[in-house]
Protein backbone atom coordinates (compact mmCIF):
# COMPACT_ATOMS: atom_id res chain seq x y z
CA MET A 1 0.03 -0.16 0.00
CA ALA A 2 1.33 3.05 -1.12
CA THR A 3 0.70 6.29 1.04
CA SER A 4 0.64 9.69 -0.40
CA TYR A 5 0.28 13.17 1.72
CA LYS A 6 -0.97 15.86 0.01
CA SER A 7 -3.30 18.89 -0.35
CA LEU A 8 -6.57 17.09 -1.18
CA GLY A 9 -8.54 20.01 -2.27
CA GLN A 10 -8.79 23.74 -2.81
CA LEU A 11 -11.94 25.57 -3.31
CA ASP A 12 -12.94 29.77 -4.03
CA LEU A 13 -16.07 29.26 -2.67
CA THR A 14 -18.29 31.60 -5.01
CA THR A 15 -21.43 30.50 -3.98
CA THR A 16 -23.56 29.76 -0.96
CA SER A 17 -24.70 26.39 -2.42
CA LEU A 18 -23.05 22.94 -1.04
CA THR A 19 -19.93 22.57 -3.09
CA ASP A 20 -17.85 19.23 -3.39
CA LEU A 21 -14.39 19.74 -1.92
CA TYR A 22 -12.98 16.40 -2.05
CA THR A 23 -13.98 12.82 -3.32
CA VAL A 24 -12.11 9.58 -2.27
CA PRO A 25 -10.69 8.07 -5.49
CA SER A 26 -11.62 4.34 -6.09
CA SER A 27 -9.16 1.67 -4.47
CA THR A 28 -7.84 4.30 -2.06
CA GLU A 29 -8.62 5.32 1.52
CA THR A 30 -8.26 8.72 2.72
CA VAL A 31 -7.24 10.48 6.26
CA VAL A 32 -8.27 14.28 6.30
CA SER A 33 -6.00 15.92 8.81
CA THR A 34 -6.75 19.48 8.50
CA VAL A 35 -9.19 21.62 6.82
CA ILE A 36 -8.14 25.40 6.97
CA ILE A 37 -10.99 27.97 6.39
CA ALA A 38 -9.81 31.50 5.45
CA ASN A 39 -12.31 34.40 5.13
CA ARG A 40 -10.82 36.76 2.73
CA THR A 41 -13.32 39.71 3.60
CA ALA A 42 -13.89 42.53 5.95
CA SER A 43 -17.57 40.74 7.19
CA ALA A 44 -18.11 37.70 9.29
CA THR A 45 -19.28 34.50 7.81
CA THR A 46 -19.91 31.09 8.39
CA PHE A 47 -19.13 27.57 6.72
CA ARG A 48 -20.65 24.34 6.90
CA LEU A 49 -18.52 20.98 6.19
CA ALA A 50 -20.10 17.34 5.69
CA ILE A 51 -18.92 13.93 4.76
CA ARG A 52 -21.34 12.13 2.36
CA VAL A 53 -20.70 8.52 2.87
CA ASP A 54 -20.78 6.81 -0.57
CA GLY A 55 -21.60 10.30 -1.83
CA ASP A 56 -25.02 10.05 -0.53
CA ALA A 57 -27.51 12.93 -0.90
CA ILE A 58 -26.83 15.44 1.83
CA SER A 59 -28.88 15.02 5.02
CA ASN A 60 -28.68 16.15 8.65
CA GLN A 61 -26.44 13.19 9.57
CA HIS A 62 -23.46 14.19 7.35
CA TYR A 63 -22.72 17.38 8.68
CA ILE A 64 -19.53 17.62 11.29
CA ALA A 65 -19.72 21.67 11.14
CA TYR A 66 -22.84 23.65 10.91
CA ASP A 67 -23.12 27.34 10.40
CA VAL A 68 -19.56 27.84 12.42
CA PRO A 69 -18.77 31.52 12.33
CA VAL A 70 -15.22 32.58 10.87
CA ALA A 71 -14.34 36.48 11.98
CA ALA A 72 -13.49 39.08 9.20
CA ASN A 73 -10.24 38.65 7.58
CA ASP A 74 -9.01 35.66 9.79
CA SER A 75 -9.37 31.82 9.44
CA THR A 76 -10.23 28.70 11.25
CA THR A 77 -8.35 25.61 11.26
CA LEU A 78 -10.01 22.14 12.04
CA THR A 79 -7.51 19.39 13.16
CA LEU A 80 -10.00 16.45 12.17
CA GLY A 81 -8.30 12.80 11.64
CA ILE A 82 -11.70 11.88 9.67
CA THR A 83 -10.93 8.45 7.77
CA MET A 84 -13.09 8.15 4.33
CA VAL A 85 -13.05 5.25 1.78
CA ALA A 86 -13.75 5.21 -2.14
CA THR A 87 -16.58 7.67 -3.22
CA ASP A 88 -17.20 9.38 0.25
CA VAL A 89 -17.36 12.85 -0.38
CA MET A 90 -16.42 16.00 1.82
CA THR A 91 -18.90 19.03 0.72
CA VAL A 92 -18.43 22.65 1.98
CA SER A 93 -20.46 25.83 1.75
CA ALA A 94 -20.27 29.42 2.63
CA GLY A 95 -22.87 31.68 4.73
CA ASP A 96 -21.50 34.24 1.60
CA ALA A 97 -20.49 34.11 -1.63
CA ASN A 98 -17.17 34.84 -2.56
CA ALA A 99 -15.94 35.03 0.80
CA LEU A 100 -14.08 31.87 1.95
CA SER A 101 -11.13 29.76 0.30
CA ILE A 102 -11.13 26.09 1.76
CA ASN A 103 -8.38 23.78 1.92
CA ALA A 104 -8.22 20.12 3.06
CA PHE A 105 -5.10 18.15 3.54
CA GLY A 106 -4.25 14.70 4.30
CA ALA A 107 -3.13 11.17 2.96
CA GLU A 108 -4.18 8.88 0.41
CA VAL A 109 -3.72 5.45 1.25
CA THR A 110 -3.98 2.97 -2.19
CA VAL A 111 -5.23 -0.07 -1.44
């Protein structure tokens, strides 16, 4: 099994709609170690983060962060250790369009 430590996904959220940040590739398991949410604006906003097992349609049980505030011109770092398997999807949304940059880091293990 090969392990690759990497940036799993980067987004400039230009909408308030749920947006896929990362999908686990086939024959792969992933550990998400850190997600950083940066607010690039002079106004506070919020974010949501969900893990959709098998790419299921979003439902309340998928959320691991919901309407979490991010101060103006600030960032929030989540240290997670979330394990995901092939076809699982990390989905994010912003309280305000064109305000947040989101980056996820971790390790992919090829099985």
